């Protein structure tokens, strides 16, 4: 009877998340994408909207860092063949709670942080989880390549992806979160964007 009760509690806790995902709402949404022209190249800025699932927040509060990855690809259209990829970039973000200072830290790196450590990353500290998540959700100035790679078309194909990267979690957590709806946070958007001045 106790096992049945625990199973029912687990189902009640996880059912709303699964229902939302199946209903087409998704757990993440790209609300802004902007392709910009700088003096030294092309940049992409993005804004992603999502609510951190309860299970992920509980892990964070226990002092376990979580990881996000934003990736973008830029293509040049070709009428005689498939589009040619002319730019690609990734940004890795590590979000962690610092119990001693009671602050939140976001590490940002162009390479996998779990593989190369936080020594290669830029660090920002925040007073609240909400502020730290805002920094994660606003992807600024991803350098996609050189201006010379673009054609004369008014719109340029871009693919943007954002996800919670479970592959960078400690190995026991990777096994434990596999298949859980809380940890399946990802979004992809393909769009043709005009080239705008850098803000």
N, C-alpha and C. Protein backbone atom coordinates (compact mmCIF):
# COMPACT_ATOMS: atom_id res chain seq x y z
N UNK A 1 0.83 -1.20 0.00
CA UNK A 1 0.00 0.00 0.00
C UNK A 1 0.86 1.25 0.00
N UNK A 2 1.96 1.20 0.76
CA UNK A 2 2.85 2.36 0.82
C UNK A 2 3.48 2.62 -0.55
N UNK A 3 3.87 1.54 -1.24
CA UNK A 3 4.47 1.70 -2.57
C UNK A 3 3.47 2.30 -3.55
N UNK A 4 2.21 1.87 -3.46
CA UNK A 4 1.17 2.41 -4.33
C UNK A 4 0.95 3.90 -4.06
N UNK A 5 0.95 4.28 -2.77
CA UNK A 5 0.78 5.68 -2.41
C UNK A 5 1.91 6.54 -2.96
N UNK A 6 3.14 6.05 -2.84
CA UNK A 6 4.28 6.80 -3.36
C UNK A 6 4.20 6.95 -4.87
N UNK A 7 3.74 5.90 -5.55
CA UNK A 7 3.59 5.96 -7.00
C UNK A 7 2.55 7.01 -7.39
N UNK A 8 1.43 7.06 -6.65
CA UNK A 8 0.39 8.04 -6.94
C UNK A 8 0.89 9.46 -6.72
N UNK A 9 1.65 9.67 -5.66
CA UNK A 9 2.21 11.00 -5.39
C UNK A 9 3.15 11.41 -6.53
N UNK A 10 4.00 10.47 -6.96
CA UNK A 10 4.92 10.76 -8.06
C UNK A 10 4.15 11.13 -9.32
N UNK A 11 3.08 10.39 -9.63
CA UNK A 11 2.30 10.65 -10.83
C UNK A 11 1.63 12.03 -10.76
N UNK A 12 1.12 12.39 -9.59
CA UNK A 12 0.47 13.69 -9.44
C UNK A 12 1.47 14.83 -9.62
N UNK A 13 2.69 14.62 -9.15
CA UNK A 13 3.71 15.67 -9.28
C UNK A 13 4.17 15.85 -10.72
N UNK A 14 4.21 14.77 -11.49
CA UNK A 14 4.78 14.84 -12.83
C UNK A 14 3.75 14.96 -13.94
N UNK A 15 2.49 14.66 -13.67
CA UNK A 15 1.46 14.69 -14.70
C UNK A 15 1.28 16.06 -15.34
N UNK A 16 1.25 17.16 -14.57
CA UNK A 16 1.07 18.46 -15.22
C UNK A 16 2.16 18.79 -16.23
N UNK A 17 3.41 18.45 -15.93
CA UNK A 17 4.50 18.73 -16.85
C UNK A 17 4.34 17.93 -18.14
N UNK A 18 3.99 16.66 -18.02
CA UNK A 18 3.83 15.83 -19.19
C UNK A 18 2.64 16.27 -20.02
N UNK A 19 1.56 16.65 -19.36
CA UNK A 19 0.38 17.08 -20.08
C UNK A 19 0.66 18.36 -20.85
N UNK A 20 1.42 19.25 -20.26
CA UNK A 20 1.74 20.50 -20.94
C UNK A 20 2.57 20.24 -22.20
N UNK A 21 3.53 19.31 -22.07
CA UNK A 21 4.38 19.01 -23.21
C UNK A 21 3.59 18.35 -24.32
N UNK A 22 2.67 17.44 -23.99
CA UNK A 22 1.90 16.74 -24.99
C UNK A 22 0.87 17.66 -25.63
N UNK A 23 0.48 18.69 -24.93
CA UNK A 23 -0.54 19.58 -25.45
C UNK A 23 -0.01 20.57 -26.47
N UNK A 24 1.28 20.49 -26.82
CA UNK A 24 1.84 21.35 -27.84
C UNK A 24 2.36 22.67 -27.30
N UNK A 25 2.22 22.91 -26.02
CA UNK A 25 2.70 24.15 -25.45
C UNK A 25 4.24 24.18 -25.44
N UNK A 26 4.86 23.04 -25.18
CA UNK A 26 6.31 23.00 -25.08
C UNK A 26 6.77 23.58 -23.76
N UNK A 27 8.04 23.39 -23.45
CA UNK A 27 8.58 23.92 -22.20
C UNK A 27 9.51 25.10 -22.46
N UNK A 28 9.82 25.39 -23.72
CA UNK A 28 10.68 26.52 -24.04
C UNK A 28 10.22 27.13 -25.36
N UNK A 29 10.46 28.43 -25.50
CA UNK A 29 10.04 29.15 -26.70
C UNK A 29 11.07 30.23 -27.02
N UNK A 30 11.43 30.33 -28.29
CA UNK A 30 12.32 31.41 -28.75
C UNK A 30 11.44 32.61 -29.06
N UNK A 31 11.60 33.69 -28.32
CA UNK A 31 10.73 34.86 -28.50
C UNK A 31 11.40 35.96 -29.32
N UNK A 32 12.71 35.87 -29.53
CA UNK A 32 13.39 36.91 -30.30
C UNK A 32 14.66 36.35 -30.93
N UNK A 33 14.87 36.67 -32.20
CA UNK A 33 16.11 36.35 -32.90
C UNK A 33 16.48 37.56 -33.74
N UNK A 34 17.75 37.93 -33.69
CA UNK A 34 18.20 39.12 -34.41
C UNK A 34 19.60 38.86 -34.99
N UNK A 35 19.73 39.00 -36.31
CA UNK A 35 21.01 38.86 -37.00
C UNK A 35 21.58 40.25 -37.22
N UNK A 36 22.80 40.49 -36.70
CA UNK A 36 23.35 41.84 -36.70
C UNK A 36 24.71 41.90 -37.38
N UNK A 37 24.98 43.06 -37.99
CA UNK A 37 26.23 43.31 -38.68
C UNK A 37 27.14 44.15 -37.79
N UNK A 38 28.31 43.60 -37.43
CA UNK A 38 29.31 44.35 -36.68
C UNK A 38 30.50 44.66 -37.56
N UNK A 39 31.41 45.45 -37.05
CA UNK A 39 32.61 45.80 -37.82
C UNK A 39 33.48 44.59 -38.10
N UNK A 40 33.43 43.61 -37.19
CA UNK A 40 34.31 42.44 -37.33
C UNK A 40 33.57 41.15 -37.62
N UNK A 41 32.28 41.24 -38.00
CA UNK A 41 31.58 40.01 -38.34
C UNK A 41 30.08 40.06 -38.13
N UNK A 42 29.48 38.88 -38.17
CA UNK A 42 28.04 38.70 -38.01
C UNK A 42 27.73 38.17 -36.63
N UNK A 43 26.67 38.68 -36.01
CA UNK A 43 26.30 38.28 -34.66
C UNK A 43 24.82 37.93 -34.60
N UNK A 44 24.52 36.95 -33.77
CA UNK A 44 23.12 36.57 -33.52
C UNK A 44 22.80 36.80 -32.05
N UNK A 45 21.66 37.44 -31.81
CA UNK A 45 21.15 37.60 -30.45
C UNK A 45 19.80 36.91 -30.36
N UNK A 46 19.51 36.31 -29.21
CA UNK A 46 18.27 35.56 -29.04
C UNK A 46 17.74 35.73 -27.63
N UNK A 47 16.44 35.55 -27.50
CA UNK A 47 15.80 35.51 -26.19
C UNK A 47 14.95 34.25 -26.14
N UNK A 48 15.13 33.47 -25.09
CA UNK A 48 14.38 32.22 -24.90
C UNK A 48 13.52 32.37 -23.65
N UNK A 49 12.29 31.87 -23.73
CA UNK A 49 11.40 31.93 -22.57
C UNK A 49 11.08 30.50 -22.12
N UNK A 50 11.27 30.25 -20.82
CA UNK A 50 10.91 28.95 -20.24
C UNK A 50 10.80 29.10 -18.73
N UNK A 51 10.10 28.17 -18.13
CA UNK A 51 10.03 28.06 -16.67
C UNK A 51 10.87 26.87 -16.26
N UNK A 52 11.70 27.06 -15.27
CA UNK A 52 12.54 25.96 -14.81
C UNK A 52 11.68 24.92 -14.09
N UNK A 53 11.67 23.67 -14.56
CA UNK A 53 10.86 22.64 -13.90
C UNK A 53 11.25 22.44 -12.45
N UNK A 54 10.28 22.03 -11.64
CA UNK A 54 10.49 21.89 -10.21
C UNK A 54 11.62 20.91 -9.89
N UNK A 55 11.68 19.80 -10.62
CA UNK A 55 12.71 18.81 -10.35
C UNK A 55 14.11 19.35 -10.60
N UNK A 56 14.26 20.18 -11.62
CA UNK A 56 15.56 20.78 -11.92
C UNK A 56 15.94 21.79 -10.85
N UNK A 57 14.96 22.58 -10.41
CA UNK A 57 15.22 23.58 -9.37
C UNK A 57 15.63 22.91 -8.05
N UNK A 58 15.03 21.78 -7.75
CA UNK A 58 15.39 21.05 -6.52
C UNK A 58 16.85 20.59 -6.57
N UNK A 59 17.29 20.12 -7.72
CA UNK A 59 18.69 19.70 -7.88
C UNK A 59 19.62 20.89 -7.71
N UNK A 60 19.25 22.04 -8.29
CA UNK A 60 20.05 23.25 -8.15
C UNK A 60 20.19 23.65 -6.68
N UNK A 61 19.10 23.61 -5.94
CA UNK A 61 19.11 24.01 -4.54
C UNK A 61 19.96 23.08 -3.67
N UNK A 62 20.23 21.88 -4.17
CA UNK A 62 21.10 20.95 -3.45
C UNK A 62 22.58 21.17 -3.77
N UNK A 63 22.86 22.18 -4.61
CA UNK A 63 24.25 22.51 -4.91
C UNK A 63 24.80 21.84 -6.14
N UNK A 64 23.96 21.18 -6.95
CA UNK A 64 24.40 20.55 -8.18
C UNK A 64 24.21 21.53 -9.33
N UNK A 65 25.25 21.78 -10.09
CA UNK A 65 25.18 22.71 -11.22
C UNK A 65 24.41 22.07 -12.39
N UNK A 66 23.72 22.91 -13.16
CA UNK A 66 23.07 22.45 -14.38
C UNK A 66 23.65 23.24 -15.55
N UNK A 67 23.47 22.71 -16.75
CA UNK A 67 24.13 23.26 -17.92
C UNK A 67 23.13 23.50 -19.05
N UNK A 68 23.33 24.61 -19.76
CA UNK A 68 22.54 24.93 -20.94
C UNK A 68 23.49 25.13 -22.12
N UNK A 69 22.97 24.87 -23.32
CA UNK A 69 23.73 25.11 -24.54
C UNK A 69 22.85 25.86 -25.53
N UNK A 70 23.39 26.93 -26.09
CA UNK A 70 22.76 27.64 -27.20
C UNK A 70 23.64 27.45 -28.42
N UNK A 71 23.04 27.05 -29.54
CA UNK A 71 23.79 26.81 -30.77
C UNK A 71 23.09 27.52 -31.92
N UNK A 72 23.88 28.00 -32.87
CA UNK A 72 23.31 28.66 -34.03
C UNK A 72 24.10 28.29 -35.28
N UNK A 73 23.39 28.22 -36.39
CA UNK A 73 24.01 27.95 -37.69
C UNK A 73 23.48 28.97 -38.69
N UNK A 74 24.36 29.46 -39.54
CA UNK A 74 24.01 30.43 -40.57
C UNK A 74 24.25 29.79 -41.94
N UNK A 75 23.28 29.97 -42.84
CA UNK A 75 23.37 29.35 -44.16
C UNK A 75 23.31 30.41 -45.26
N UNK A 76 23.92 30.07 -46.38
CA UNK A 76 23.82 30.90 -47.59
C UNK A 76 23.00 30.14 -48.60
N UNK A 77 21.94 30.76 -49.10
CA UNK A 77 21.03 30.09 -50.01
C UNK A 77 21.67 29.88 -51.38
N UNK A 78 21.41 28.69 -51.96
CA UNK A 78 21.89 28.38 -53.31
C UNK A 78 20.72 27.80 -54.10
N UNK A 79 20.39 28.42 -55.22
CA UNK A 79 19.23 27.98 -55.99
C UNK A 79 19.47 26.64 -56.69
N UNK A 80 20.74 26.31 -56.94
CA UNK A 80 21.07 25.10 -57.69
C UNK A 80 21.39 23.90 -56.80
N UNK A 81 21.47 24.11 -55.49
CA UNK A 81 21.85 23.02 -54.59
C UNK A 81 21.31 23.34 -53.20
N UNK A 82 21.55 22.45 -52.25
CA UNK A 82 21.11 22.76 -50.89
C UNK A 82 21.91 23.92 -50.32
N UNK A 83 21.31 24.62 -49.35
CA UNK A 83 21.97 25.78 -48.76
C UNK A 83 23.32 25.39 -48.15
N UNK A 84 24.30 26.31 -48.22
CA UNK A 84 25.64 26.04 -47.71
C UNK A 84 25.80 26.68 -46.33
N UNK A 85 26.26 25.89 -45.37
CA UNK A 85 26.51 26.43 -44.03
C UNK A 85 27.76 27.31 -44.06
N UNK A 86 27.60 28.56 -43.62
CA UNK A 86 28.72 29.50 -43.65
C UNK A 86 29.14 29.95 -42.26
N UNK A 87 28.40 29.56 -41.24
CA UNK A 87 28.75 29.94 -39.89
C UNK A 87 28.12 29.03 -38.86
N UNK A 88 28.83 28.81 -37.77
CA UNK A 88 28.32 27.97 -36.69
C UNK A 88 28.96 28.41 -35.39
N UNK A 89 28.17 28.42 -34.31
CA UNK A 89 28.69 28.87 -33.02
C UNK A 89 27.91 28.18 -31.91
N UNK A 90 28.55 28.03 -30.74
CA UNK A 90 27.88 27.45 -29.57
C UNK A 90 28.27 28.26 -28.34
N UNK A 91 27.36 28.32 -27.40
CA UNK A 91 27.63 28.94 -26.10
C UNK A 91 27.16 27.99 -25.01
N UNK A 92 28.07 27.64 -24.10
CA UNK A 92 27.76 26.75 -22.99
C UNK A 92 27.62 27.59 -21.72
N UNK A 93 26.59 27.30 -20.94
CA UNK A 93 26.33 28.05 -19.72
C UNK A 93 26.13 27.10 -18.54
N UNK A 94 26.82 27.39 -17.46
CA UNK A 94 26.72 26.59 -16.24
C UNK A 94 26.06 27.44 -15.17
N UNK A 95 24.97 26.93 -14.59
CA UNK A 95 24.24 27.65 -13.55
C UNK A 95 24.37 26.87 -12.24
N UNK A 96 24.82 27.57 -11.19
CA UNK A 96 25.05 26.89 -9.91
C UNK A 96 24.75 27.82 -8.75
N UNK A 97 24.32 27.22 -7.64
CA UNK A 97 24.09 27.96 -6.41
C UNK A 97 25.33 27.85 -5.53
N UNK A 98 25.74 29.00 -4.94
CA UNK A 98 26.90 29.04 -4.05
C UNK A 98 26.41 29.14 -2.61
N UNK A 99 26.34 28.04 -1.87
CA UNK A 99 25.76 28.07 -0.52
C UNK A 99 26.47 29.02 0.44
N UNK A 100 27.79 29.15 0.33
CA UNK A 100 28.54 29.99 1.27
C UNK A 100 28.18 31.47 1.12
N UNK A 101 28.02 31.91 -0.12
CA UNK A 101 27.69 33.32 -0.37
C UNK A 101 26.20 33.55 -0.58
N UNK A 102 25.45 32.44 -0.71
CA UNK A 102 24.01 32.49 -1.00
C UNK A 102 23.73 33.28 -2.28
N UNK A 103 24.59 33.09 -3.24
CA UNK A 103 24.44 33.75 -4.53
C UNK A 103 24.44 32.70 -5.63
N UNK A 104 23.99 33.12 -6.81
CA UNK A 104 23.93 32.26 -7.98
C UNK A 104 25.01 32.67 -8.95
N UNK A 105 25.65 31.69 -9.57
CA UNK A 105 26.72 31.98 -10.52
C UNK A 105 26.40 31.37 -11.87
N UNK A 106 26.65 32.15 -12.92
CA UNK A 106 26.53 31.69 -14.30
C UNK A 106 27.91 31.78 -14.95
N UNK A 107 28.41 30.65 -15.42
CA UNK A 107 29.66 30.59 -16.17
C UNK A 107 29.31 30.45 -17.65
N UNK A 108 29.97 31.21 -18.49
CA UNK A 108 29.69 31.21 -19.93
C UNK A 108 30.98 30.89 -20.67
N UNK A 109 30.89 29.93 -21.61
CA UNK A 109 32.08 29.49 -22.33
C UNK A 109 31.71 29.06 -23.75
N UNK A 110 32.64 29.20 -24.71
CA UNK A 110 32.39 28.70 -26.06
C UNK A 110 32.58 27.20 -26.19
N UNK A 111 33.10 26.56 -25.15
CA UNK A 111 33.35 25.11 -25.18
C UNK A 111 32.68 24.47 -23.96
N UNK A 112 32.59 23.16 -24.01
CA UNK A 112 31.96 22.40 -22.92
C UNK A 112 32.67 22.68 -21.59
N UNK A 113 31.92 23.16 -20.61
CA UNK A 113 32.51 23.54 -19.33
C UNK A 113 32.91 22.33 -18.51
N UNK A 114 32.11 21.28 -18.57
CA UNK A 114 32.41 20.09 -17.77
C UNK A 114 33.70 19.42 -18.25
N UNK A 115 34.02 19.59 -19.53
CA UNK A 115 35.21 18.95 -20.08
C UNK A 115 36.47 19.78 -19.82
N UNK A 116 36.35 21.10 -19.93
CA UNK A 116 37.53 21.96 -19.83
C UNK A 116 37.58 22.76 -18.53
N UNK A 117 36.53 22.66 -17.71
CA UNK A 117 36.52 23.38 -16.44
C UNK A 117 36.09 24.82 -16.59
N UNK A 118 35.80 25.46 -15.44
CA UNK A 118 35.30 26.82 -15.48
C UNK A 118 36.41 27.84 -15.66
N UNK A 119 37.66 27.38 -15.75
CA UNK A 119 38.76 28.31 -15.93
C UNK A 119 38.71 29.02 -17.27
N UNK A 120 38.03 28.42 -18.26
CA UNK A 120 37.96 29.04 -19.59
C UNK A 120 36.70 29.88 -19.74
N UNK A 121 35.91 30.02 -18.67
CA UNK A 121 34.62 30.67 -18.77
C UNK A 121 34.61 32.07 -18.15
N UNK A 122 33.68 32.89 -18.63
CA UNK A 122 33.39 34.17 -18.00
C UNK A 122 32.38 33.92 -16.88
N UNK A 123 32.51 34.63 -15.77
CA UNK A 123 31.66 34.39 -14.61
C UNK A 123 30.82 35.62 -14.28
N UNK A 124 29.56 35.38 -13.90
CA UNK A 124 28.68 36.43 -13.41
C UNK A 124 27.98 35.91 -12.16
N UNK A 125 27.84 36.77 -11.16
CA UNK A 125 27.16 36.40 -9.92
C UNK A 125 25.85 37.18 -9.80
N UNK A 126 24.83 36.52 -9.22
CA UNK A 126 23.50 37.11 -9.10
C UNK A 126 22.94 36.85 -7.71
N UNK A 127 22.09 37.75 -7.25
CA UNK A 127 21.49 37.63 -5.92
C UNK A 127 20.32 36.66 -5.89
N UNK A 128 19.71 36.38 -7.04
CA UNK A 128 18.53 35.50 -7.06
C UNK A 128 18.59 34.56 -8.25
N UNK A 129 17.86 33.46 -8.14
CA UNK A 129 17.77 32.50 -9.24
C UNK A 129 17.11 33.15 -10.45
N UNK A 130 16.10 33.98 -10.22
CA UNK A 130 15.40 34.63 -11.32
C UNK A 130 16.36 35.50 -12.14
N UNK A 131 17.23 36.24 -11.47
CA UNK A 131 18.19 37.09 -12.17
C UNK A 131 19.19 36.25 -12.95
N UNK A 132 19.63 35.15 -12.36
CA UNK A 132 20.58 34.26 -13.04
C UNK A 132 19.94 33.63 -14.28
N UNK A 133 18.69 33.23 -14.16
CA UNK A 133 17.99 32.64 -15.31
C UNK A 133 17.77 33.65 -16.41
N UNK A 134 17.53 34.91 -16.05
CA UNK A 134 17.39 35.96 -17.07
C UNK A 134 18.66 36.06 -17.91
N UNK A 135 19.81 35.93 -17.26
CA UNK A 135 21.08 35.98 -17.98
C UNK A 135 21.23 34.79 -18.92
N UNK A 136 20.74 33.63 -18.49
CA UNK A 136 20.80 32.43 -19.33
C UNK A 136 19.86 32.56 -20.52
N UNK A 137 18.69 33.16 -20.31
CA UNK A 137 17.67 33.25 -21.36
C UNK A 137 18.00 34.28 -22.43
N UNK A 138 18.84 35.24 -22.11
CA UNK A 138 19.19 36.29 -23.08
C UNK A 138 20.57 35.97 -23.68
N UNK A 139 20.56 35.48 -24.90
CA UNK A 139 21.78 35.06 -25.58
C UNK A 139 22.24 36.23 -26.45
N UNK A 140 23.28 36.91 -26.02
CA UNK A 140 23.73 38.09 -26.74
C UNK A 140 24.98 37.86 -27.55
N UNK A 141 24.99 38.37 -28.76
CA UNK A 141 26.17 38.46 -29.61
C UNK A 141 26.94 37.15 -29.79
N UNK A 142 26.26 36.17 -30.35
CA UNK A 142 26.94 34.96 -30.80
C UNK A 142 27.58 35.25 -32.15
N UNK A 143 28.90 35.19 -32.22
CA UNK A 143 29.57 35.52 -33.50
C UNK A 143 29.43 34.35 -34.47
N UNK A 144 28.73 34.60 -35.58
CA UNK A 144 28.40 33.55 -36.53
C UNK A 144 29.36 33.46 -37.71
N UNK A 145 30.16 34.48 -37.94
CA UNK A 145 31.07 34.42 -39.07
C UNK A 145 31.40 35.80 -39.60
N UNK A 146 31.91 35.81 -40.84
CA UNK A 146 32.35 37.06 -41.48
C UNK A 146 31.29 37.56 -42.46
N UNK A 147 31.26 38.86 -42.64
CA UNK A 147 30.31 39.47 -43.57
C UNK A 147 30.51 38.97 -44.99
N UNK A 148 31.75 38.68 -45.35
CA UNK A 148 32.06 38.24 -46.71
C UNK A 148 31.38 36.92 -47.07
N UNK A 149 30.96 36.15 -46.05
CA UNK A 149 30.32 34.86 -46.31
C UNK A 149 28.89 35.00 -46.79
N UNK A 150 28.28 36.16 -46.57
CA UNK A 150 26.88 36.34 -46.94
C UNK A 150 26.74 36.72 -48.40
N UNK A 151 25.60 36.33 -48.98
CA UNK A 151 25.27 36.76 -50.33
C UNK A 151 24.53 38.09 -50.30
N UNK A 152 23.91 38.42 -51.44
CA UNK A 152 23.20 39.69 -51.56
C UNK A 152 21.72 39.57 -51.21
N UNK A 153 21.28 38.39 -50.79
CA UNK A 153 19.87 38.19 -50.48
C UNK A 153 19.45 39.07 -49.29
N UNK A 154 18.20 39.51 -49.27
CA UNK A 154 17.73 40.34 -48.16
C UNK A 154 17.52 39.56 -46.86
N UNK A 155 17.28 38.24 -46.97
CA UNK A 155 17.04 37.40 -45.80
C UNK A 155 18.03 36.24 -45.78
N UNK A 156 18.45 35.86 -44.57
CA UNK A 156 19.49 34.84 -44.43
C UNK A 156 19.00 33.72 -43.51
N UNK A 157 19.08 32.45 -43.97
CA UNK A 157 18.59 31.33 -43.15
C UNK A 157 19.45 31.10 -41.90
N UNK A 158 18.79 31.01 -40.77
CA UNK A 158 19.45 30.78 -39.48
C UNK A 158 18.71 29.67 -38.75
N UNK A 159 19.46 28.76 -38.13
CA UNK A 159 18.89 27.74 -37.25
C UNK A 159 19.44 27.99 -35.85
N UNK A 160 18.52 28.11 -34.88
CA UNK A 160 18.93 28.36 -33.50
C UNK A 160 18.38 27.25 -32.62
N UNK A 161 19.23 26.72 -31.73
CA UNK A 161 18.82 25.67 -30.80
C UNK A 161 19.23 26.06 -29.38
N UNK A 162 18.38 25.69 -28.43
CA UNK A 162 18.67 25.93 -27.02
C UNK A 162 18.19 24.72 -26.24
N UNK A 163 19.02 24.24 -25.31
CA UNK A 163 18.60 23.05 -24.56
C UNK A 163 19.29 22.99 -23.21
N UNK A 164 18.66 22.25 -22.32
CA UNK A 164 19.27 21.86 -21.05
C UNK A 164 20.18 20.68 -21.38
N UNK A 165 21.48 20.83 -21.11
CA UNK A 165 22.46 19.84 -21.55
C UNK A 165 22.77 18.85 -20.42
N UNK A 166 22.06 17.74 -20.44
CA UNK A 166 22.24 16.73 -19.39
C UNK A 166 23.55 15.97 -19.53
N UNK A 167 24.19 16.04 -20.68
CA UNK A 167 25.44 15.30 -20.88
C UNK A 167 26.58 15.87 -20.05
N UNK A 168 26.42 17.09 -19.54
CA UNK A 168 27.47 17.69 -18.72
C UNK A 168 27.24 17.49 -17.22
N UNK A 169 26.13 16.87 -16.86
CA UNK A 169 25.87 16.55 -15.46
C UNK A 169 26.83 15.45 -14.98
N UNK A 170 27.05 15.34 -13.67
CA UNK A 170 27.81 14.18 -13.16
C UNK A 170 27.16 12.88 -13.62
N UNK A 171 27.97 11.87 -13.88
CA UNK A 171 27.48 10.62 -14.48
C UNK A 171 26.28 10.01 -13.73
N UNK A 172 26.27 9.95 -12.39
CA UNK A 172 25.10 9.37 -11.72
C UNK A 172 23.81 10.14 -12.01
N UNK A 173 23.90 11.46 -12.14
CA UNK A 173 22.71 12.26 -12.44
C UNK A 173 22.25 12.03 -13.87
N UNK A 174 23.18 11.83 -14.80
CA UNK A 174 22.79 11.56 -16.19
C UNK A 174 21.90 10.33 -16.27
N UNK A 175 22.27 9.32 -15.50
CA UNK A 175 21.47 8.08 -15.49
C UNK A 175 20.13 8.32 -14.81
N UNK A 176 20.15 9.07 -13.71
CA UNK A 176 18.92 9.28 -12.94
C UNK A 176 17.88 10.13 -13.64
N UNK A 177 18.31 11.09 -14.49
CA UNK A 177 17.34 12.00 -15.11
C UNK A 177 16.89 11.52 -16.48
N UNK A 178 17.49 10.46 -16.99
CA UNK A 178 17.14 9.98 -18.33
C UNK A 178 15.65 9.64 -18.40
N UNK A 179 14.97 10.22 -19.36
CA UNK A 179 13.56 9.93 -19.56
C UNK A 179 12.60 10.74 -18.73
N UNK A 180 13.10 11.60 -17.82
CA UNK A 180 12.23 12.42 -16.99
C UNK A 180 11.82 13.68 -17.75
N UNK A 181 10.53 13.98 -17.73
CA UNK A 181 10.02 15.14 -18.46
C UNK A 181 10.64 16.44 -17.96
N UNK A 182 10.94 16.52 -16.66
CA UNK A 182 11.53 17.73 -16.10
C UNK A 182 12.83 18.12 -16.80
N UNK A 183 13.56 17.13 -17.30
CA UNK A 183 14.89 17.38 -17.84
C UNK A 183 14.90 17.42 -19.37
N UNK A 184 13.73 17.41 -19.96
CA UNK A 184 13.63 17.44 -21.42
C UNK A 184 13.26 18.86 -21.87
N UNK A 185 14.15 19.80 -21.63
CA UNK A 185 13.91 21.21 -21.95
C UNK A 185 14.74 21.58 -23.17
N UNK A 186 14.08 21.79 -24.30
CA UNK A 186 14.80 22.09 -25.53
C UNK A 186 13.87 22.79 -26.52
N UNK A 187 14.47 23.61 -27.38
CA UNK A 187 13.70 24.29 -28.42
C UNK A 187 14.61 24.51 -29.62
N UNK A 188 14.03 24.49 -30.81
CA UNK A 188 14.76 24.76 -32.05
C UNK A 188 13.89 25.64 -32.93
N UNK A 189 14.55 26.60 -33.59
CA UNK A 189 13.80 27.48 -34.49
C UNK A 189 14.62 27.75 -35.74
N UNK A 190 14.00 27.57 -36.90
CA UNK A 190 14.62 27.88 -38.19
C UNK A 190 13.88 29.06 -38.79
N UNK A 191 14.63 30.08 -39.22
CA UNK A 191 14.00 31.31 -39.69
C UNK A 191 14.94 32.02 -40.65
N UNK A 192 14.39 32.85 -41.52
CA UNK A 192 15.18 33.68 -42.42
C UNK A 192 15.14 35.10 -41.88
N UNK A 193 16.33 35.65 -41.60
CA UNK A 193 16.42 36.94 -40.92
C UNK A 193 17.09 37.99 -41.78
N UNK A 194 16.64 39.25 -41.66
CA UNK A 194 17.36 40.35 -42.30
C UNK A 194 18.60 40.70 -41.51
N UNK A 195 19.55 41.31 -42.17
CA UNK A 195 20.78 41.75 -41.49
C UNK A 195 20.57 43.16 -40.98
N UNK A 196 20.74 43.35 -39.66
CA UNK A 196 20.47 44.62 -39.02
C UNK A 196 21.74 45.21 -38.43
N UNK A 197 21.76 46.52 -38.15
CA UNK A 197 22.93 47.12 -37.50
C UNK A 197 23.10 46.58 -36.09
N UNK A 198 24.35 46.47 -35.65
CA UNK A 198 24.63 45.98 -34.31
C UNK A 198 24.21 47.01 -33.28
N UNK A 199 23.46 46.56 -32.28
CA UNK A 199 23.01 47.48 -31.22
C UNK A 199 24.10 47.71 -30.21
